[in-house]
């Protein structure tokens, strides 16, 4: 009489092992983006709790940005980039320079390298004037981007950032896909534990 071990081994020997289906190496890796890049980016980022504001003009951007900042003290709004500081000052949006910031920062305003429509991700790097901190430290990360920074897929963004920095890539390139989300062993979701609890992207 065969032992239990032998029975199991015999079953394995007699089992049918069909050959795996040959993969289609010519099939596209990513699904097609059927909407405009702006709309696809908005839907994909908002699916992971980010906020996207598609603005038709600088005036609309300023109006909507003021609405987001209305309950934040101006001393806790920080921006480090010259071009954005000029935009904010020109339109009467009070903020602090990064060098003169106070201890408490509620909102950090930055630009970005690129926006990836396929994943709803914001690509930032240490080469931006805000460095590594303003996209991570403040509870609210506000990104102001131009429509020409929209790309379709991640590989396009990587190709473009190599073109932008041909001699030496930034020491840090990060993809931000929504606010910081952390879940413990009981699957309790916590927002903002290891980064911003809110991500707002203004695109014009």
Protein backbone atom coordinates (compact mmCIF):
# COMPACT_ATOMS: atom_id res chain seq x y z
CA UNK A 1 0.00 0.00 0.00
CA UNK A 2 1.40 3.35 -1.06
CA UNK A 3 2.12 5.91 1.60
CA UNK A 4 0.47 9.29 1.61
CA UNK A 5 3.69 10.81 0.36
CA UNK A 6 3.85 8.42 -2.58
CA UNK A 7 0.22 9.06 -3.47
CA UNK A 8 0.87 12.79 -3.60
CA UNK A 9 3.97 12.30 -5.75
CA UNK A 10 2.09 9.99 -8.11
CA UNK A 11 -0.69 12.54 -8.51
CA UNK A 12 1.86 15.22 -9.34
CA UNK A 13 3.50 12.95 -11.94
CA UNK A 14 0.16 12.17 -13.58
CA UNK A 15 -1.12 15.72 -13.50
CA UNK A 16 -1.50 17.50 -16.81
CA UNK A 17 0.85 20.42 -17.17
CA UNK A 18 -0.25 22.41 -20.21
CA UNK A 19 2.34 24.59 -21.86
CA UNK A 20 1.89 28.29 -21.06
CA UNK A 21 0.43 30.46 -23.75
CA UNK A 22 3.04 32.24 -25.82
CA UNK A 23 3.03 35.93 -24.85
CA UNK A 24 2.33 38.55 -27.47
CA UNK A 25 5.54 40.58 -27.45
CA UNK A 26 4.12 43.04 -29.98
CA UNK A 27 1.12 43.99 -27.84
CA UNK A 28 1.28 47.48 -26.32
CA UNK A 29 2.46 47.63 -22.72
CA UNK A 30 0.04 50.40 -21.72
CA UNK A 31 -3.63 50.80 -22.48
CA UNK A 32 -4.43 53.59 -24.89
CA UNK A 33 -5.32 57.04 -23.55
CA UNK A 34 -8.60 57.83 -25.27
CA UNK A 35 -9.21 61.23 -23.67
CA UNK A 36 -7.18 64.41 -23.72
CA UNK A 37 -4.02 64.23 -21.63
CA UNK A 38 -5.36 66.86 -19.24
CA UNK A 39 -8.63 65.03 -18.66
CA UNK A 40 -6.88 61.67 -18.29
CA UNK A 41 -4.44 63.14 -15.77
CA UNK A 42 -7.29 64.71 -13.80
CA UNK A 43 -9.32 61.48 -13.63
CA UNK A 44 -6.37 59.31 -12.67
CA UNK A 45 -5.06 61.64 -9.95
CA UNK A 46 -8.50 62.31 -8.49
CA UNK A 47 -9.04 58.52 -8.32
CA UNK A 48 -6.33 58.47 -5.61
CA UNK A 49 -7.64 61.51 -3.69
CA UNK A 50 -5.67 64.24 -5.42
CA UNK A 51 -7.28 67.46 -6.66
CA UNK A 52 -6.78 68.80 -10.19
CA UNK A 53 -7.85 72.22 -11.47
CA UNK A 54 -7.83 72.57 -15.25
CA UNK A 55 -7.66 76.32 -15.83
CA UNK A 56 -8.18 78.08 -19.15
CA UNK A 57 -6.18 81.14 -18.17
CA UNK A 58 -3.86 82.58 -15.56
CA UNK A 59 -6.77 84.59 -14.18
CA UNK A 60 -8.81 81.45 -13.56
CA UNK A 61 -5.81 79.76 -11.95
CA UNK A 62 -5.32 82.69 -9.57
CA UNK A 63 -9.00 82.74 -8.61
CA UNK A 64 -9.09 79.03 -7.85
CA UNK A 65 -5.75 79.09 -6.04
CA UNK A 66 -6.97 81.89 -3.78
CA UNK A 67 -10.00 79.75 -2.90
CA UNK A 68 -7.74 76.86 -1.84
CA UNK A 69 -5.52 79.17 0.23
CA UNK A 70 -8.25 81.28 1.81
CA UNK A 71 -8.16 79.53 5.21
CA UNK A 72 -4.37 79.25 5.44
CA UNK A 73 -2.40 82.06 7.15
CA UNK A 74 -0.12 83.78 4.64
CA UNK A 75 2.84 83.20 6.96
CA UNK A 76 2.36 79.44 6.45
CA UNK A 77 2.31 79.53 2.63
CA UNK A 78 5.82 79.03 1.27
CA UNK A 79 7.24 79.20 -2.25
CA UNK A 80 10.90 78.94 -3.26
CA UNK A 81 10.81 79.39 -7.04
CA UNK A 82 11.43 82.79 -8.59
CA UNK A 83 8.97 82.40 -11.46
CA UNK A 84 6.16 81.25 -9.19
CA UNK A 85 6.92 83.95 -6.61
CA UNK A 86 6.56 86.53 -9.37
CA UNK A 87 3.22 85.01 -10.42
CA UNK A 88 1.94 85.02 -6.82
CA UNK A 89 3.13 88.55 -6.05
CA UNK A 90 1.72 89.94 -9.30
CA UNK A 91 -1.71 88.60 -8.39
CA UNK A 92 -1.74 89.58 -4.73
CA UNK A 93 -1.28 86.09 -3.26
CA UNK A 94 0.65 86.56 -0.04
CA UNK A 95 3.34 84.00 0.75
CA UNK A 96 6.71 83.55 2.38
CA UNK A 97 10.04 83.12 0.67
CA UNK A 98 11.65 79.78 1.44
CA UNK A 99 14.68 81.40 3.06
CA UNK A 100 12.48 83.55 5.31
CA UNK A 101 9.99 80.83 6.21
CA UNK A 102 8.71 80.36 9.72
CA UNK A 103 8.83 77.11 11.62
CA UNK A 104 5.27 76.19 10.69
CA UNK A 105 4.49 75.55 7.03
CA UNK A 106 0.99 74.53 6.01
CA UNK A 107 1.25 74.78 2.21
CA UNK A 108 4.22 74.48 -0.11
CA UNK A 109 3.82 75.79 -3.67
CA UNK A 110 6.09 74.25 -6.30
CA UNK A 111 6.34 73.66 -10.00
CA UNK A 112 7.15 70.21 -11.37
CA UNK A 113 9.14 68.51 -14.08
CA UNK A 114 6.28 66.70 -15.84
CA UNK A 115 2.74 65.40 -15.32
CA UNK A 116 2.07 61.80 -16.41
CA UNK A 117 -1.48 61.35 -17.69
CA UNK A 118 -1.46 57.54 -17.63
CA UNK A 119 -0.94 57.31 -13.86
CA UNK A 120 -1.96 60.77 -12.66
CA UNK A 121 1.57 61.27 -11.32
CA UNK A 122 3.55 64.46 -10.73
CA UNK A 123 7.27 64.18 -11.45
CA UNK A 124 9.40 66.43 -9.24
CA UNK A 125 13.15 66.54 -8.77
CA UNK A 126 15.80 67.98 -6.50
CA UNK A 127 16.79 70.33 -9.34
CA UNK A 128 13.72 72.49 -8.70
CA UNK A 129 14.39 75.56 -6.55
CA UNK A 130 12.37 74.13 -3.69
CA UNK A 131 14.70 71.16 -3.55
CA UNK A 132 13.48 68.03 -1.81
CA UNK A 133 11.53 69.58 1.06
CA UNK A 134 8.61 71.57 -0.30
CA UNK A 135 7.01 68.59 -2.04
CA UNK A 136 7.25 66.40 1.07
CA UNK A 137 7.28 68.43 4.30
CA UNK A 138 4.18 70.72 4.18
CA UNK A 139 0.78 69.11 4.88
CA UNK A 140 -0.51 70.59 1.62
CA UNK A 141 1.48 70.36 -1.60
CA UNK A 142 0.31 72.74 -4.32
CA UNK A 143 1.70 72.25 -7.82
CA UNK A 144 1.42 74.87 -10.55
CA UNK A 145 2.12 73.43 -14.01
CA UNK A 146 1.77 74.34 -17.65
CA UNK A 147 -0.09 72.24 -20.18
CA UNK A 148 3.10 71.68 -22.15
CA UNK A 149 4.41 69.69 -19.17
CA UNK A 150 1.76 67.00 -19.72
CA UNK A 151 3.05 63.73 -21.17
CA UNK A 152 1.28 60.49 -21.94
CA UNK A 153 3.31 57.72 -20.28
CA UNK A 154 6.08 57.31 -17.75
CA UNK A 155 8.72 56.35 -20.33
CA UNK A 156 8.03 59.63 -22.14
CA UNK A 157 8.63 61.59 -18.92
CA UNK A 158 11.92 59.79 -18.31
CA UNK A 159 13.05 60.45 -21.88
CA UNK A 160 12.19 64.14 -21.56
CA UNK A 161 13.95 64.59 -18.23
CA UNK A 162 17.08 63.09 -19.79
CA UNK A 163 16.77 65.67 -22.54
CA UNK A 164 16.30 68.44 -19.99
CA UNK A 165 19.39 67.46 -17.97
CA UNK A 166 21.71 65.93 -20.60
CA UNK A 167 24.93 66.30 -18.61
CA UNK A 168 23.81 65.18 -15.16
CA UNK A 169 20.44 64.01 -13.90
CA UNK A 170 19.10 65.46 -10.63
CA UNK A 171 20.17 63.50 -7.55
CA UNK A 172 16.51 62.74 -6.80
CA UNK A 173 13.61 62.22 -9.20
CA UNK A 174 10.30 61.45 -7.50
CA UNK A 175 6.84 60.50 -8.71
CA UNK A 176 4.02 61.86 -6.56
CA UNK A 177 0.74 60.04 -7.12
CA UNK A 178 -1.83 61.53 -4.78
CA UNK A 179 -1.50 62.46 -1.09
CA UNK A 180 0.55 60.34 1.28
CA UNK A 181 -1.40 57.19 2.18
CA UNK A 182 -0.39 54.68 4.84
CA UNK A 183 -2.28 51.61 6.07
CA UNK A 184 -1.47 49.64 9.22
CA UNK A 185 -1.81 45.88 9.70
CA UNK A 186 -5.55 46.30 10.29
CA UNK A 187 -5.86 48.15 6.95
CA UNK A 188 -6.75 51.44 8.61
CA UNK A 189 -5.89 54.13 6.06
CA UNK A 190 -4.10 57.23 7.36
CA UNK A 191 -3.59 60.27 5.15
CA UNK A 192 -0.48 62.41 5.48
CA UNK A 193 1.58 60.23 7.81
CA UNK A 194 4.71 60.28 5.64
CA UNK A 195 4.07 63.25 3.37
CA UNK A 196 1.40 65.78 2.38
CA UNK A 197 -2.17 64.92 3.31
CA UNK A 198 -3.45 66.97 0.36
CA UNK A 199 -2.18 67.35 -3.20
CA UNK A 200 -3.55 70.12 -5.42
CA UNK A 201 -2.43 70.45 -9.04
CA UNK A 202 -3.25 73.60 -10.99
CA UNK A 203 -2.79 73.23 -14.73
CA UNK A 204 -3.03 76.17 -17.15
